[in-house]
Amino acid sequence: MTLDFGHLHLSARYYHLDAAEEVRAAAPFIAHCHVHDNFGRSVYYTEKIQTHQIPFGKGDAHMPVGWGSVPFDVLLDGFIRDYDGLLICELRSRYFERTGESAENLAAILEKLGIRMR
């Protein structure tokens, strides 16, 4: 399965789920990861233009790691030691210039967990 951190954060907050518990349960099936940040505030079908929701901290913003409230450290801790896939930085085009910053922030989180990026 693909673990999409931003989508997980939005849905866990919307449905009142424990995201870390969900990741631990899914850990054996995670084959691919999409890594991006947001504030966990969902948009509704009437709020289709997501870029208009950014000032309100809403939507699937696909921001660099560290810019939102996704608890990457807690989520990664639930599966990363046995994971052998890629961590794909999935940013919206408006943040492409910040891809390096996102990767550095992710590397710092992984280092705190005792994991070195290859």
C-alpha atoms as a PDB file:
ATOM      1  CA  MET A   1       0.000   0.000   0.000  1.00  0.00           C
ATOM      2  CA  THR A   2       0.989   3.629  -0.343  1.00  0.00           C
ATOM      3  CA  LEU A   3       1.163   5.540   2.905  1.00  0.00           C
ATOM      4  CA  ASP A   4       0.413   9.182   2.188  1.00  0.00           C
ATOM      5  CA  PHE A   5       1.283  11.162   5.304  1.00  0.00           C
ATOM      6  CA  GLY A   6      -0.716  14.251   4.404  1.00  0.00           C
ATOM      7  CA  HIS A   7      -3.840  12.301   3.498  1.00  0.00           C
ATOM      8  CA  LEU A   8      -3.518  10.209   6.655  1.00  0.00           C
ATOM      9  CA  HIS A   9      -3.280  13.348   8.790  1.00  0.00           C
ATOM     10  CA  LEU A  10      -6.385  14.865   7.210  1.00  0.00           C
ATOM     11  CA  SER A  11      -8.464  11.708   7.480  1.00  0.00           C
ATOM     12  CA  ALA A  12      -7.311  10.807  10.997  1.00  0.00           C
ATOM     13  CA  ARG A  13      -8.306  14.231  12.277  1.00  0.00           C
ATOM     14  CA  TYR A  14     -11.602  14.206  10.383  1.00  0.00           C
ATOM     15  CA  TYR A  15     -12.606  10.692  11.515  1.00  0.00           C
ATOM     16  CA  HIS A  16     -11.043  10.962  14.995  1.00  0.00           C
ATOM     17  CA  LEU A  17      -8.580   8.110  14.420  1.00  0.00           C
ATOM     18  CA  ASP A  18      -5.256   7.503  16.116  1.00  0.00           C
ATOM     19  CA  ALA A  19      -2.947   7.921  13.106  1.00  0.00           C
ATOM     20  CA  ALA A  20       0.023   6.259  14.829  1.00  0.00           C
ATOM     21  CA  GLU A  21      -2.086   3.221  15.676  1.00  0.00           C
ATOM     22  CA  GLU A  22      -3.300   3.019  12.082  1.00  0.00           C
ATOM     23  CA  VAL A  23       0.283   3.160  10.778  1.00  0.00           C
ATOM     24  CA  ARG A  24       1.406   0.393  13.140  1.00  0.00           C
ATOM     25  CA  ALA A  25      -1.470  -1.787  11.949  1.00  0.00           C
ATOM     26  CA  ALA A  26      -0.656  -1.131   8.290  1.00  0.00           C
ATOM     27  CA  ALA A  27       3.147  -1.362   8.680  1.00  0.00           C
ATOM     28  CA  PRO A  28       3.573  -4.820   7.087  1.00  0.00           C
ATOM     29  CA  PHE A  29       1.763  -3.620   3.957  1.00  0.00           C
ATOM     30  CA  ILE A  30       3.496  -0.248   3.411  1.00  0.00           C
ATOM     31  CA  ALA A  31       5.451  -0.420   0.159  1.00  0.00           C
ATOM     32  CA  HIS A  32       5.584   3.246  -0.852  1.00  0.00           C
ATOM     33  CA  CYS A  33       5.335   6.601   0.961  1.00  0.00           C
ATOM     34  CA  HIS A  34       4.255  10.072  -0.117  1.00  0.00           C
ATOM     35  CA  VAL A  35       5.665  12.665   2.264  1.00  0.00           C
ATOM     36  CA  HIS A  36       4.128  16.128   2.549  1.00  0.00           C
ATOM     37  CA  ASP A  37       2.706  18.344   5.257  1.00  0.00           C
ATOM     38  CA  ASN A  38      -0.577  20.101   6.066  1.00  0.00           C
ATOM     39  CA  PHE A  39      -2.490  21.302   9.119  1.00  0.00           C
ATOM     40  CA  GLY A  40      -5.033  18.469   9.243  1.00  0.00           C
ATOM     41  CA  ARG A  41      -8.000  20.715   8.527  1.00  0.00           C
ATOM     42  CA  SER A  42     -10.230  19.222   5.831  1.00  0.00           C
ATOM     43  CA  VAL A  43     -11.923  21.096   3.041  1.00  0.00           C
ATOM     44  CA  TYR A  44     -15.432  20.359   1.873  1.00  0.00           C
ATOM     45  CA  TYR A  45     -16.764  19.756  -1.622  1.00  0.00           C
ATOM     46  CA  THR A  46     -17.737  23.443  -1.910  1.00  0.00           C
ATOM     47  CA  GLU A  47     -14.113  24.486  -1.301  1.00  0.00           C
ATOM     48  CA  LYS A  48     -12.641  23.020  -4.472  1.00  0.00           C
ATOM     49  CA  ILE A  49      -9.828  25.483  -5.155  1.00  0.00           C
ATOM     50  CA  GLN A  50      -7.400  24.266  -2.517  1.00  0.00           C
ATOM     51  CA  THR A  51      -4.898  27.076  -3.021  1.00  0.00           C
ATOM     52  CA  HIS A  52      -7.591  29.458  -1.771  1.00  0.00           C
ATOM     53  CA  GLN A  53      -7.695  27.472   1.485  1.00  0.00           C
ATOM     54  CA  ILE A  54      -3.977  27.766   2.314  1.00  0.00           C
ATOM     55  CA  PRO A  55      -4.351  31.050   4.259  1.00  0.00           C
ATOM     56  CA  PHE A  56      -6.874  29.260   6.474  1.00  0.00           C
ATOM     57  CA  GLY A  57      -4.601  26.243   7.028  1.00  0.00           C
ATOM     58  CA  LYS A  58      -7.107  24.000   5.310  1.00  0.00           C
ATOM     59  CA  GLY A  59      -6.855  21.284   2.713  1.00  0.00           C
ATOM     60  CA  ASP A  60      -4.373  18.898   1.214  1.00  0.00           C
ATOM     61  CA  ALA A  61      -1.680  21.551   0.944  1.00  0.00           C
ATOM     62  CA  HIS A  62       1.266  19.286   0.004  1.00  0.00           C
ATOM     63  CA  MET A  63       3.657  21.591   1.853  1.00  0.00           C
ATOM     64  CA  PRO A  64       7.279  20.843   2.762  1.00  0.00           C
ATOM     65  CA  VAL A  65       7.916  18.652   5.805  1.00  0.00           C
ATOM     66  CA  GLY A  66       7.900  20.807   8.922  1.00  0.00           C
ATOM     67  CA  TRP A  67       5.551  23.488   7.631  1.00  0.00           C
ATOM     68  CA  GLY A  68       2.337  21.949   8.969  1.00  0.00           C
ATOM     69  CA  SER A  69       1.284  19.727  11.840  1.00  0.00           C
ATOM     70  CA  VAL A  70       1.768  16.167  10.552  1.00  0.00           C
ATOM     71  CA  PRO A  71       3.457  14.276  13.425  1.00  0.00           C
ATOM     72  CA  PHE A  72       6.110  12.714  11.192  1.00  0.00           C
ATOM     73  CA  ASP A  73       8.273  11.518  14.074  1.00  0.00           C
ATOM     74  CA  VAL A  74       5.452   9.549  15.702  1.00  0.00           C
ATOM     75  CA  LEU A  75       4.173   8.139  12.405  1.00  0.00           C
ATOM     76  CA  LEU A  76       7.594   7.161  11.076  1.00  0.00           C
ATOM     77  CA  ASP A  77       8.495   5.520  14.365  1.00  0.00           C
ATOM     78  CA  GLY A  78       5.673   3.035  13.791  1.00  0.00           C
ATOM     79  CA  PHE A  79       7.234   1.383  10.723  1.00  0.00           C
ATOM     80  CA  ILE A  80      10.450   2.970   9.430  1.00  0.00           C
ATOM     81  CA  ARG A  81      12.953   0.523  10.921  1.00  0.00           C
ATOM     82  CA  ASP A  82      11.594  -2.348   8.811  1.00  0.00           C
ATOM     83  CA  TYR A  83      10.708  -0.239   5.763  1.00  0.00           C
ATOM     84  CA  ASP A  84      12.663  -0.811   2.568  1.00  0.00           C
ATOM     85  CA  GLY A  85      10.919   1.580   0.198  1.00  0.00           C
ATOM     86  CA  LEU A  86      11.209   5.175  -0.888  1.00  0.00           C
ATOM     87  CA  LEU A  87      10.040   8.326   0.869  1.00  0.00           C
ATOM     88  CA  ILE A  88       8.757  10.460  -2.004  1.00  0.00           C
ATOM     89  CA  CYS A  89       8.566  14.180  -1.283  1.00  0.00           C
ATOM     90  CA  GLU A  90       5.212  15.052  -2.865  1.00  0.00           C
ATOM     91  CA  LEU A  91       4.996  18.848  -2.932  1.00  0.00           C
ATOM     92  CA  ARG A  92       2.719  21.182  -4.862  1.00  0.00           C
ATOM     93  CA  SER A  93       4.549  23.127  -7.572  1.00  0.00           C
ATOM     94  CA  ARG A  94       4.420  26.355  -5.552  1.00  0.00           C
ATOM     95  CA  TYR A  95       6.847  24.677  -3.082  1.00  0.00           C
ATOM     96  CA  PHE A  96       9.283  23.090  -5.551  1.00  0.00           C
ATOM     97  CA  GLU A  97      11.999  25.582  -4.574  1.00  0.00           C
ATOM     98  CA  ARG A  98      11.687  24.238  -1.007  1.00  0.00           C
ATOM     99  CA  THR A  99      12.198  20.566  -1.887  1.00  0.00           C
ATOM    100  CA  GLY A 100      15.703  20.619  -0.398  1.00  0.00           C
ATOM    101  CA  GLU A 101      14.409  22.121   2.841  1.00  0.00           C
ATOM    102  CA  SER A 102      11.703  19.451   3.024  1.00  0.00           C
ATOM    103  CA  ALA A 103      14.270  16.678   2.517  1.00  0.00           C
ATOM    104  CA  GLU A 104      16.548  18.192   5.174  1.00  0.00           C
ATOM    105  CA  ASN A 105      13.674  18.417   7.656  1.00  0.00           C
ATOM    106  CA  LEU A 106      12.745  14.801   6.961  1.00  0.00           C
ATOM    107  CA  ALA A 107      16.376  13.704   7.355  1.00  0.00           C
ATOM    108  CA  ALA A 108      16.553  15.475  10.727  1.00  0.00           C
ATOM    109  CA  ILE A 109      13.407  13.670  11.927  1.00  0.00           C
ATOM    110  CA  LEU A 110      14.781  10.324  10.771  1.00  0.00           C
ATOM    111  CA  GLU A 111      18.135  11.018  12.436  1.00  0.00           C
ATOM    112  CA  LYS A 112      16.359  11.647  15.757  1.00  0.00           C
ATOM    113  CA  LEU A 113      14.788   8.202  15.316  1.00  0.00           C
ATOM    114  CA  GLY A 114      18.241   6.707  14.687  1.00  0.00           C
ATOM    115  CA  ILE A 115      17.707   6.267  10.928  1.00  0.00           C
ATOM    116  CA  ARG A 116      20.080   7.630   8.291  1.00  0.00           C
ATOM    117  CA  MET A 117      18.782   8.434   4.816  1.00  0.00           C
ATOM    118  CA  ARG A 118      20.607   6.733   1.953  1.00  0.00           C
END
